[in-house]
Full PDB file with SEQRES, HELIX, SHEET, SSBOND, CRYST1, ORIGX, SCALE, CONECT and MASTER records, all heavy atoms in Angstrom:
SEQRES   1 A   37  VAL ARG GLU SER LEU ARG GLU LEU ASN ARG LEU GLU GLN          
SEQRES   2 A   37  GLU ASN CYS PRO SER LEU ASP ARG THR ALA ASP SER PHE          
SEQRES   3 A   37  ALA ARG LEU LEU GLN ALA ALA ALA PRO SER ASP                  
HELIX    1 AA1 ARG A    2  GLN A   13  1                                  12    
HELIX    2 AA2 LEU A   19  GLN A   31  1                                  13    
CRYST1    1.000    1.000    1.000  90.00  90.00  90.00 P 1           1          
ORIGX1      1.000000  0.000000  0.000000        0.00000                         
ORIGX2      0.000000  1.000000  0.000000        0.00000                         
ORIGX3      0.000000  0.000000  1.000000        0.00000                         
SCALE1      1.000000  0.000000  0.000000        0.00000                         
SCALE2      0.000000  1.000000  0.000000        0.00000                         
SCALE3      0.000000  0.000000  1.000000        0.00000                         
ATOM      1  N   VAL A   1       0.862  -1.213  -0.017  1.00  0.00           N  
ATOM      2  CA  VAL A   1       0.000  -0.019  -0.011  1.00  0.00           C  
ATOM      3  C   VAL A   1       0.812   1.256  -0.040  1.00  0.00           C  
ATOM      4  O   VAL A   1       0.620   2.204  -0.790  1.00  0.00           O  
ATOM      5  CB  VAL A   1      -0.955  -0.023   1.203  1.00  0.00           C  
ATOM      6  CG1 VAL A   1      -1.691   1.286   1.318  1.00  0.00           C  
ATOM      7  CG2 VAL A   1      -1.999  -1.080   1.180  1.00  0.00           C  
ATOM      8  N   ARG A   2       1.930   1.252   0.786  1.00  0.00           N  
ATOM      9  CA  ARG A   2       2.788   2.491   0.926  1.00  0.00           C  
ATOM     10  C   ARG A   2       3.485   2.597  -0.395  1.00  0.00           C  
ATOM     11  O   ARG A   2       3.525   3.767  -0.827  1.00  0.00           O  
ATOM     12  CB  ARG A   2       3.798   2.203   1.976  1.00  0.00           C  
ATOM     13  CG  ARG A   2       4.751   3.350   2.319  1.00  0.00           C  
ATOM     14  CD  ARG A   2       5.855   3.066   3.192  1.00  0.00           C  
ATOM     15  NE  ARG A   2       5.445   2.426   4.450  1.00  0.00           N  
ATOM     16  CZ  ARG A   2       5.838   1.164   4.729  1.00  0.00           C  
ATOM     17  NH1 ARG A   2       6.556   0.424   4.021  1.00  0.00           N  
ATOM     18  NH2 ARG A   2       5.325   0.635   5.880  1.00  0.00           N  
ATOM     19  N   GLU A   3       3.999   1.529  -1.020  1.00  0.00           N  
ATOM     20  CA  GLU A   3       4.781   1.775  -2.301  1.00  0.00           C  
ATOM     21  C   GLU A   3       3.737   2.138  -3.392  1.00  0.00           C  
ATOM     22  O   GLU A   3       4.138   3.004  -4.222  1.00  0.00           O  
ATOM     23  CB  GLU A   3       5.364   0.365  -2.641  1.00  0.00           C  
ATOM     24  CG  GLU A   3       6.474   0.005  -1.702  1.00  0.00           C  
ATOM     25  CD  GLU A   3       7.133  -1.360  -2.040  1.00  0.00           C  
ATOM     26  OE1 GLU A   3       6.604  -2.009  -2.875  1.00  0.00           O  
ATOM     27  OE2 GLU A   3       8.083  -1.691  -1.311  1.00  0.00           O  
ATOM     28  N   SER A   4       2.564   1.544  -3.473  1.00  0.00           N  
ATOM     29  CA  SER A   4       1.604   1.923  -4.527  1.00  0.00           C  
ATOM     30  C   SER A   4       1.132   3.379  -4.356  1.00  0.00           C  
ATOM     31  O   SER A   4       1.086   4.003  -5.401  1.00  0.00           O  
ATOM     32  CB  SER A   4       0.405   0.871  -4.536  1.00  0.00           C  
ATOM     33  OG  SER A   4       0.849  -0.397  -4.807  1.00  0.00           O  
ATOM     34  N   LEU A   5       0.848   3.745  -3.255  1.00  0.00           N  
ATOM     35  CA  LEU A   5       0.406   5.170  -3.138  1.00  0.00           C  
ATOM     36  C   LEU A   5       1.551   6.183  -3.352  1.00  0.00           C  
ATOM     37  O   LEU A   5       1.313   7.300  -3.883  1.00  0.00           O  
ATOM     38  CB  LEU A   5      -0.245   5.370  -1.672  1.00  0.00           C  
ATOM     39  CG  LEU A   5      -1.512   4.687  -1.386  1.00  0.00           C  
ATOM     40  CD1 LEU A   5      -2.023   4.956   0.143  1.00  0.00           C  
ATOM     41  CD2 LEU A   5      -2.594   5.091  -2.423  1.00  0.00           C  
ATOM     42  N   ARG A   6       2.740   5.849  -3.007  1.00  0.00           N  
ATOM     43  CA  ARG A   6       3.897   6.609  -3.320  1.00  0.00           C  
ATOM     44  C   ARG A   6       4.090   6.765  -4.858  1.00  0.00           C  
ATOM     45  O   ARG A   6       4.302   7.857  -5.341  1.00  0.00           O  
ATOM     46  CB  ARG A   6       5.222   6.027  -2.674  1.00  0.00           C  
ATOM     47  CG  ARG A   6       6.387   7.017  -2.850  1.00  0.00           C  
ATOM     48  CD  ARG A   6       7.613   6.307  -2.366  1.00  0.00           C  
ATOM     49  NE  ARG A   6       7.535   6.071  -0.926  1.00  0.00           N  
ATOM     50  CZ  ARG A   6       7.714   4.914  -0.312  1.00  0.00           C  
ATOM     51  NH1 ARG A   6       8.002   3.826  -1.051  1.00  0.00           N  
ATOM     52  NH2 ARG A   6       7.552   4.793   0.960  1.00  0.00           N  
ATOM     53  N   GLU A   7       3.936   5.612  -5.473  1.00  0.00           N  
ATOM     54  CA  GLU A   7       4.039   5.620  -6.998  1.00  0.00           C  
ATOM     55  C   GLU A   7       2.787   6.352  -7.569  1.00  0.00           C  
ATOM     56  O   GLU A   7       3.038   7.217  -8.554  1.00  0.00           O  
ATOM     57  CB  GLU A   7       4.000   4.294  -7.578  1.00  0.00           C  
ATOM     58  CG  GLU A   7       4.090   4.138  -9.054  1.00  0.00           C  
ATOM     59  CD  GLU A   7       4.033   2.735  -9.548  1.00  0.00           C  
ATOM     60  OE1 GLU A   7       4.285   1.790  -8.754  1.00  0.00           O  
ATOM     61  OE2 GLU A   7       3.852   2.550 -10.803  1.00  0.00           O  
ATOM     62  N   LEU A   8       1.723   6.258  -7.068  1.00  0.00           N  
ATOM     63  CA  LEU A   8       0.479   6.970  -7.570  1.00  0.00           C  
ATOM     64  C   LEU A   8       0.671   8.460  -7.384  1.00  0.00           C  
ATOM     65  O   LEU A   8       0.371   9.284  -8.228  1.00  0.00           O  
ATOM     66  CB  LEU A   8      -0.786   6.442  -6.892  1.00  0.00           C  
ATOM     67  CG  LEU A   8      -2.123   6.887  -7.407  1.00  0.00           C  
ATOM     68  CD1 LEU A   8      -2.278   6.469  -8.928  1.00  0.00           C  
ATOM     69  CD2 LEU A   8      -3.205   6.238  -6.648  1.00  0.00           C  
ATOM     70  N   ASN A   9       1.190   8.842  -6.257  1.00  0.00           N  
ATOM     71  CA  ASN A   9       1.403  10.265  -5.957  1.00  0.00           C  
ATOM     72  C   ASN A   9       2.360  10.828  -6.951  1.00  0.00           C  
ATOM     73  O   ASN A   9       2.270  11.980  -7.419  1.00  0.00           O  
ATOM     74  CB  ASN A   9       1.854  10.456  -4.511  1.00  0.00           C  
ATOM     75  CG  ASN A   9       2.011  11.905  -4.169  1.00  0.00           C  
ATOM     76  OD1 ASN A   9       1.088  12.714  -4.024  1.00  0.00           O  
ATOM     77  ND2 ASN A   9       3.275  12.335  -3.889  1.00  0.00           N  
ATOM     78  N   ARG A  10       3.425  10.122  -7.286  1.00  0.00           N  
ATOM     79  CA  ARG A  10       4.378  10.568  -8.251  1.00  0.00           C  
ATOM     80  C   ARG A  10       3.902  10.715  -9.613  1.00  0.00           C  
ATOM     81  O   ARG A  10       4.041  11.794 -10.217  1.00  0.00           O  
ATOM     82  CB  ARG A  10       5.617   9.607  -8.203  1.00  0.00           C  
ATOM     83  CG  ARG A  10       6.710   9.990  -9.329  1.00  0.00           C  
ATOM     84  CD  ARG A  10       7.825   8.981  -9.324  1.00  0.00           C  
ATOM     85  NE  ARG A  10       7.332   7.667  -9.748  1.00  0.00           N  
ATOM     86  CZ  ARG A  10       7.103   7.254 -10.943  1.00  0.00           C  
ATOM     87  NH1 ARG A  10       7.198   8.056 -11.953  1.00  0.00           N  
ATOM     88  NH2 ARG A  10       6.611   6.026 -11.204  1.00  0.00           N  
ATOM     89  N   LEU A  11       2.992   9.841 -10.035  1.00  0.00           N  
ATOM     90  CA  LEU A  11       2.372  10.010 -11.286  1.00  0.00           C  
ATOM     91  C   LEU A  11       1.384  11.168 -11.360  1.00  0.00           C  
ATOM     92  O   LEU A  11       1.257  11.802 -12.351  1.00  0.00           O  
ATOM     93  CB  LEU A  11       1.588   8.699 -11.628  1.00  0.00           C  
ATOM     94  CG  LEU A  11       2.493   7.469 -11.905  1.00  0.00           C  
ATOM     95  CD1 LEU A  11       1.515   6.175 -11.990  1.00  0.00           C  
ATOM     96  CD2 LEU A  11       3.271   7.614 -13.126  1.00  0.00           C  
ATOM     97  N   GLU A  12       0.637  11.388 -10.261  1.00  0.00           N  
ATOM     98  CA  GLU A  12      -0.224  12.516 -10.185  1.00  0.00           C  
ATOM     99  C   GLU A  12       0.586  13.884 -10.195  1.00  0.00           C  
ATOM    100  O   GLU A  12       0.094  14.814 -10.844  1.00  0.00           O  
ATOM    101  CB  GLU A  12      -1.018  12.464  -8.931  1.00  0.00           C  
ATOM    102  CG  GLU A  12      -2.126  11.286  -8.930  1.00  0.00           C  
ATOM    103  CD  GLU A  12      -2.792  11.088  -7.548  1.00  0.00           C  
ATOM    104  OE1 GLU A  12      -2.396  11.879  -6.611  1.00  0.00           O  
ATOM    105  OE2 GLU A  12      -3.785  10.356  -7.405  1.00  0.00           O  
ATOM    106  N   GLN A  13       1.665  13.902  -9.576  1.00  0.00           N  
ATOM    107  CA  GLN A  13       2.454  15.115  -9.594  1.00  0.00           C  
ATOM    108  C   GLN A  13       3.085  15.426 -10.990  1.00  0.00           C  
ATOM    109  O   GLN A  13       3.219  16.549 -11.381  1.00  0.00           O  
ATOM    110  CB  GLN A  13       3.721  15.016  -8.665  1.00  0.00           C  
ATOM    111  CG  GLN A  13       3.297  14.873  -7.137  1.00  0.00           C  
ATOM    112  CD  GLN A  13       2.694  16.188  -6.718  1.00  0.00           C  
ATOM    113  OE1 GLN A  13       2.999  17.191  -7.125  1.00  0.00           O  
ATOM    114  NE2 GLN A  13       1.638  16.048  -5.773  1.00  0.00           N  
ATOM    115  N   GLU A  14       3.119  14.247 -11.709  1.00  0.00           N  
ATOM    116  CA  GLU A  14       3.694  14.406 -13.195  1.00  0.00           C  
ATOM    117  C   GLU A  14       2.526  14.717 -14.119  1.00  0.00           C  
ATOM    118  O   GLU A  14       2.684  14.918 -15.341  1.00  0.00           O  
ATOM    119  CB  GLU A  14       4.333  13.197 -13.626  1.00  0.00           C  
ATOM    120  CG  GLU A  14       5.588  12.890 -12.822  1.00  0.00           C  
ATOM    121  CD  GLU A  14       6.243  11.567 -13.218  1.00  0.00           C  
ATOM    122  OE1 GLU A  14       5.552  10.781 -14.027  1.00  0.00           O  
ATOM    123  OE2 GLU A  14       7.275  11.137 -12.703  1.00  0.00           O  
ATOM    124  N   ASN A  15       1.217  14.784 -13.591  1.00  0.00           N  
ATOM    125  CA  ASN A  15       0.070  14.847 -14.405  1.00  0.00           C  
ATOM    126  C   ASN A  15       0.024  13.892 -15.459  1.00  0.00           C  
ATOM    127  O   ASN A  15      -0.155  14.146 -16.715  1.00  0.00           O  
ATOM    128  CB  ASN A  15       0.068  16.313 -15.013  1.00  0.00           C  
ATOM    129  CG  ASN A  15      -1.411  16.627 -15.468  1.00  0.00           C  
ATOM    130  OD1 ASN A  15      -2.452  16.261 -14.838  1.00  0.00           O  
ATOM    131  ND2 ASN A  15      -1.468  17.394 -16.635  1.00  0.00           N  
ATOM    132  N   CYS A  16       0.220  12.625 -15.112  1.00  0.00           N  
ATOM    133  CA  CYS A  16       0.368  11.403 -15.999  1.00  0.00           C  
ATOM    134  C   CYS A  16      -0.825  11.302 -16.793  1.00  0.00           C  
ATOM    135  O   CYS A  16      -2.011  11.278 -16.366  1.00  0.00           O  
ATOM    136  CB  CYS A  16       0.635  10.157 -15.213  1.00  0.00           C  
ATOM    137  SG  CYS A  16       0.737   8.681 -16.256  1.00  0.00           S  
ATOM    138  N   PRO A  17      -0.742  11.301 -18.174  1.00  0.00           N  
ATOM    139  CA  PRO A  17      -1.942  11.246 -19.058  1.00  0.00           C  
ATOM    140  C   PRO A  17      -2.358   9.682 -19.333  1.00  0.00           C  
ATOM    141  O   PRO A  17      -3.318   9.498 -20.057  1.00  0.00           O  
ATOM    142  CB  PRO A  17      -1.502  11.710 -20.392  1.00  0.00           C  
ATOM    143  CG  PRO A  17       0.007  11.439 -20.386  1.00  0.00           C  
ATOM    144  CD  PRO A  17       0.468  11.534 -18.993  1.00  0.00           C  
ATOM    145  N   SER A  18      -1.765   8.732 -18.695  1.00  0.00           N  
ATOM    146  CA  SER A  18      -2.054   7.349 -18.955  1.00  0.00           C  
ATOM    147  C   SER A  18      -3.050   6.798 -17.890  1.00  0.00           C  
ATOM    148  O   SER A  18      -2.681   6.721 -16.676  1.00  0.00           O  
ATOM    149  CB  SER A  18      -0.752   6.545 -18.969  1.00  0.00           C  
ATOM    150  OG  SER A  18      -1.065   5.192 -18.941  1.00  0.00           O  
ATOM    151  N   LEU A  19      -4.216   6.431 -18.346  1.00  0.00           N  
ATOM    152  CA  LEU A  19      -5.191   5.658 -17.397  1.00  0.00           C  
ATOM    153  C   LEU A  19      -4.485   4.323 -16.860  1.00  0.00           C  
ATOM    154  O   LEU A  19      -4.690   4.076 -15.753  1.00  0.00           O  
ATOM    155  CB  LEU A  19      -6.407   5.445 -18.094  1.00  0.00           C  
ATOM    156  CG  LEU A  19      -7.496   6.542 -18.255  1.00  0.00           C  
ATOM    157  CD1 LEU A  19      -8.714   6.006 -19.031  1.00  0.00           C  
ATOM    158  CD2 LEU A  19      -7.837   7.054 -16.877  1.00  0.00           C  
ATOM    159  N   ASP A  20      -3.873   3.663 -17.807  1.00  0.00           N  
ATOM    160  CA  ASP A  20      -3.389   2.355 -17.403  1.00  0.00           C  
ATOM    161  C   ASP A  20      -2.277   2.449 -16.287  1.00  0.00           C  
ATOM    162  O   ASP A  20      -2.344   1.613 -15.355  1.00  0.00           O  
ATOM    163  CB  ASP A  20      -2.712   1.604 -18.591  1.00  0.00           C  
ATOM    164  CG  ASP A  20      -3.790   1.025 -19.418  1.00  0.00           C  
ATOM    165  OD1 ASP A  20      -4.949   0.792 -18.952  1.00  0.00           O  
ATOM    166  OD2 ASP A  20      -3.586   0.859 -20.710  1.00  0.00           O  
ATOM    167  N   ARG A  21      -1.433   3.352 -16.449  1.00  0.00           N  
ATOM    168  CA  ARG A  21      -0.290   3.461 -15.482  1.00  0.00           C  
ATOM    169  C   ARG A  21      -0.865   3.827 -14.061  1.00  0.00           C  
ATOM    170  O   ARG A  21      -0.439   3.270 -12.993  1.00  0.00           O  
ATOM    171  CB  ARG A  21       0.683   4.479 -15.870  1.00  0.00           C  
ATOM    172  CG  ARG A  21       1.565   4.035 -17.011  1.00  0.00           C  
ATOM    173  CD  ARG A  21       2.648   5.042 -17.395  1.00  0.00           C  
ATOM    174  NE  ARG A  21       3.545   5.311 -16.360  1.00  0.00           N  
ATOM    175  CZ  ARG A  21       4.487   6.252 -16.321  1.00  0.00           C  
ATOM    176  NH1 ARG A  21       4.470   7.233 -17.223  1.00  0.00           N  
ATOM    177  NH2 ARG A  21       5.353   6.405 -15.259  1.00  0.00           N  
ATOM    178  N   THR A  22      -1.731   4.878 -14.010  1.00  0.00           N  
ATOM    179  CA  THR A  22      -2.305   5.178 -12.781  1.00  0.00           C  
ATOM    180  C   THR A  22      -3.202   4.084 -12.072  1.00  0.00           C  
ATOM    181  O   THR A  22      -3.112   3.834 -10.877  1.00  0.00           O  
ATOM    182  CB  THR A  22      -3.006   6.599 -12.722  1.00  0.00           C  
ATOM    183  OG1 THR A  22      -4.014   6.497 -13.964  1.00  0.00           O  
ATOM    184  CG2 THR A  22      -2.046   7.743 -13.001  1.00  0.00           C  
ATOM    185  N   ALA A  23      -4.051   3.602 -12.956  1.00  0.00           N  
ATOM    186  CA  ALA A  23      -5.003   2.557 -12.475  1.00  0.00           C  
ATOM    187  C   ALA A  23      -4.252   1.266 -12.051  1.00  0.00           C  
ATOM    188  O   ALA A  23      -4.622   0.567 -11.132  1.00  0.00           O  
ATOM    189  CB  ALA A  23      -6.002   2.248 -13.482  1.00  0.00           C  
ATOM    190  N   ASP A  24      -3.092   1.005 -12.746  1.00  0.00           N  
ATOM    191  CA  ASP A  24      -2.235  -0.190 -12.448  1.00  0.00           C  
ATOM    192  C   ASP A  24      -1.747  -0.080 -11.013  1.00  0.00           C  
ATOM    193  O   ASP A  24      -1.656  -1.058 -10.157  1.00  0.00           O  
ATOM    194  CB  ASP A  24      -1.174  -0.357 -13.329  1.00  0.00           C  
ATOM    195  CG  ASP A  24      -0.191  -1.423 -13.040  1.00  0.00           C  
ATOM    196  OD1 ASP A  24      -0.603  -2.663 -13.085  1.00  0.00           O  
ATOM    197  OD2 ASP A  24       0.927  -1.101 -12.668  1.00  0.00           O  
ATOM    198  N   SER A  25      -1.347   1.145 -10.641  1.00  0.00           N  
ATOM    199  CA  SER A  25      -0.786   1.400  -9.365  1.00  0.00           C  
ATOM    200  C   SER A  25      -1.746   1.054  -8.155  1.00  0.00           C  
ATOM    201  O   SER A  25      -1.403   0.417  -7.199  1.00  0.00           O  
ATOM    202  CB  SER A  25      -0.334   2.828  -9.095  1.00  0.00           C  
ATOM    203  OG  SER A  25       0.753   3.177 -10.007  1.00  0.00           O  
ATOM    204  N   PHE A  26      -2.982   1.428  -8.383  1.00  0.00           N  
ATOM    205  CA  PHE A  26      -3.961   1.227  -7.394  1.00  0.00           C  
ATOM    206  C   PHE A  26      -4.439  -0.286  -7.405  1.00  0.00           C  
ATOM    207  O   PHE A  26      -4.712  -0.933  -6.342  1.00  0.00           O  
ATOM    208  CB  PHE A  26      -5.291   2.144  -7.520  1.00  0.00           C  
ATOM    209  CG  PHE A  26      -6.173   1.878  -6.406  1.00  0.00           C  
ATOM    210  CD1 PHE A  26      -6.104   2.684  -5.216  1.00  0.00           C  
ATOM    211  CD2 PHE A  26      -7.343   1.028  -6.514  1.00  0.00           C  
ATOM    212  CE1 PHE A  26      -6.937   2.588  -4.148  1.00  0.00           C  
ATOM    213  CE2 PHE A  26      -8.246   0.872  -5.457  1.00  0.00           C  
ATOM    214  CZ  PHE A  26      -8.096   1.554  -4.283  1.00  0.00           C  
ATOM    215  N   ALA A  27      -4.505  -0.785  -8.636  1.00  0.00           N  
ATOM    216  CA  ALA A  27      -4.878  -2.236  -8.713  1.00  0.00           C  
ATOM    217  C   ALA A  27      -3.890  -3.188  -8.079  1.00  0.00           C  
ATOM    218  O   ALA A  27      -4.321  -4.232  -7.417  1.00  0.00           O  
ATOM    219  CB  ALA A  27      -4.909  -2.581 -10.277  1.00  0.00           C  
ATOM    220  N   ARG A  28      -2.599  -2.930  -8.037  1.00  0.00           N  
ATOM    221  CA  ARG A  28      -1.688  -3.659  -7.477  1.00  0.00           C  
ATOM    222  C   ARG A  28      -1.685  -3.517  -5.981  1.00  0.00           C  
ATOM    223  O   ARG A  28      -1.365  -4.502  -5.262  1.00  0.00           O  
ATOM    224  CB  ARG A  28      -0.190  -3.269  -7.893  1.00  0.00           C  
ATOM    225  CG  ARG A  28       0.102  -3.862  -9.381  1.00  0.00           C  
ATOM    226  CD  ARG A  28       1.564  -3.652  -9.775  1.00  0.00           C  
ATOM    227  NE  ARG A  28       1.802  -2.222 -10.134  1.00  0.00           N  
ATOM    228  CZ  ARG A  28       2.498  -1.334  -9.358  1.00  0.00           C  
ATOM    229  NH1 ARG A  28       2.994  -1.697  -8.287  1.00  0.00           N  
ATOM    230  NH2 ARG A  28       2.629  -0.214  -9.922  1.00  0.00           N  
ATOM    231  N   LEU A  29      -2.141  -2.406  -5.576  1.00  0.00           N  
ATOM    232  CA  LEU A  29      -2.388  -2.171  -4.083  1.00  0.00           C  
ATOM    233  C   LEU A  29      -3.463  -3.244  -3.630  1.00  0.00           C  
ATOM    234  O   LEU A  29      -3.256  -3.878  -2.604  1.00  0.00           O  
ATOM    235  CB  LEU A  29      -2.856  -0.776  -3.822  1.00  0.00           C  
ATOM    236  CG  LEU A  29      -3.204  -0.244  -2.524  1.00  0.00           C  
ATOM    237  CD1 LEU A  29      -3.040   1.211  -2.473  1.00  0.00           C  
ATOM    238  CD2 LEU A  29      -4.603  -0.675  -2.121  1.00  0.00           C  
ATOM    239  N   LEU A  30      -4.573  -3.294  -4.299  1.00  0.00           N  
ATOM    240  CA  LEU A  30      -5.560  -4.156  -3.984  1.00  0.00           C  
ATOM    241  C   LEU A  30      -5.328  -5.550  -4.054  1.00  0.00           C  
ATOM    242  O   LEU A  30      -5.674  -6.479  -3.321  1.00  0.00           O  
ATOM    243  CB  LEU A  30      -6.992  -3.829  -4.561  1.00  0.00           C  
ATOM    244  CG  LEU A  30      -8.251  -4.467  -4.167  1.00  0.00           C  
ATOM    245  CD1 LEU A  30      -8.450  -4.185  -2.659  1.00  0.00           C  
ATOM    246  CD2 LEU A  30      -9.361  -4.051  -4.890  1.00  0.00           C  
ATOM    247  N   GLN A  31      -4.532  -5.840  -5.149  1.00  0.00           N  
ATOM    248  CA  GLN A  31      -4.141  -7.193  -5.454  1.00  0.00           C  
ATOM    249  C   GLN A  31      -3.332  -7.812  -4.306  1.00  0.00           C  
ATOM    250  O   GLN A  31      -3.374  -9.122  -3.933  1.00  0.00           O  
ATOM    251  CB  GLN A  31      -3.139  -7.281  -6.680  1.00  0.00           C  
ATOM    252  CG  GLN A  31      -2.863  -8.697  -7.130  1.00  0.00           C  
ATOM    253  CD  GLN A  31      -1.983  -8.517  -8.441  1.00  0.00           C  
ATOM    254  OE1 GLN A  31      -1.110  -7.594  -8.540  1.00  0.00           O  
ATOM    255  NE2 GLN A  31      -2.229  -9.398  -9.417  1.00  0.00           N  
ATOM    256  N   ALA A  32      -2.695  -7.014  -3.530  1.00  0.00           N  
ATOM    257  CA  ALA A  32      -1.813  -7.345  -2.399  1.00  0.00           C  
ATOM    258  C   ALA A  32      -2.607  -8.003  -1.231  1.00  0.00           C  
ATOM    259  O   ALA A  32      -2.107  -8.609  -0.343  1.00  0.00           O  
ATOM    260  CB  ALA A  32      -0.874  -6.221  -1.906  1.00  0.00           C  
ATOM    261  N   ALA A  33      -3.881  -7.710  -1.299  1.00  0.00           N  
ATOM    262  CA  ALA A  33      -4.833  -8.281  -0.217  1.00  0.00           C  
ATOM    263  C   ALA A  33      -5.065  -9.708  -0.470  1.00  0.00           C  
ATOM    264  O   ALA A  33      -5.539 -10.366   0.490  1.00  0.00           O  
ATOM    265  CB  ALA A  33      -6.185  -7.508  -0.137  1.00  0.00           C  
ATOM    266  N   ALA A  34      -4.697 -10.367  -1.632  1.00  0.00           N  
ATOM    267  CA  ALA A  34      -4.913 -11.825  -1.814  1.00  0.00           C  
ATOM    268  C   ALA A  34      -3.890 -12.579  -1.106  1.00  0.00           C  
ATOM    269  O   ALA A  34      -2.825 -12.150  -0.859  1.00  0.00           O  
ATOM    270  CB  ALA A  34      -4.830 -12.046  -3.322  1.00  0.00           C  
ATOM    271  N   PRO A  35      -4.155 -13.814  -0.808  1.00  0.00           N  
ATOM    272  CA  PRO A  35      -3.229 -14.753  -0.215  1.00  0.00           C  
ATOM    273  C   PRO A  35      -1.963 -14.876  -1.246  1.00  0.00           C  
ATOM    274  O   PRO A  35      -2.142 -14.730  -2.430  1.00  0.00           O  
ATOM    275  CB  PRO A  35      -3.920 -16.087  -0.212  1.00  0.00           C  
ATOM    276  CG  PRO A  35      -5.368 -15.726  -0.066  1.00  0.00           C  
ATOM    277  CD  PRO A  35      -5.485 -14.483  -0.832  1.00  0.00           C  
ATOM    278  N   SER A  36      -0.830 -15.119  -0.796  1.00  0.00           N  
ATOM    279  CA  SER A  36       0.446 -15.059  -1.519  1.00  0.00           C  
ATOM    280  C   SER A  36       0.791 -16.202  -2.288  1.00  0.00           C  
ATOM    281  O   SER A  36       1.747 -16.198  -3.036  1.00  0.00           O  
ATOM    282  CB  SER A  36       1.605 -14.566  -0.639  1.00  0.00           C  
ATOM    283  OG  SER A  36       1.649 -15.483   0.448  1.00  0.00           O  
ATOM    284  N   ASP A  37       0.074 -17.290  -1.968  1.00  0.00           N  
ATOM    285  CA  ASP A  37       0.526 -18.658  -2.674  1.00  0.00           C  
ATOM    286  C   ASP A  37      -0.708 -19.481  -3.056  1.00  0.00           C  
ATOM    287  O   ASP A  37      -1.775 -19.231  -2.579  1.00  0.00           O  
ATOM    288  CB  ASP A  37       1.493 -19.378  -1.725  1.00  0.00           C  
ATOM    289  CG  ASP A  37       0.965 -19.666  -0.415  1.00  0.00           C  
ATOM    290  OD1 ASP A  37      -0.132 -19.388  -0.127  1.00  0.00           O  
ATOM    291  OD2 ASP A  37       1.693 -20.271   0.371  1.00  0.00           O  
TER     292      ASP A  37                                                      
MASTER        0    0    0    2    0    0    0    6  291    1    0    3          
END                                                                             
């Protein structure tokens, strides 16, 4: 969560025009809630 939100904040500061890059950052955050194996 910490890493994904840090990355998302960086993309927002850059005014990133890519939906995929920003949405991917949050998607990986939620993905981490799944069991690991």
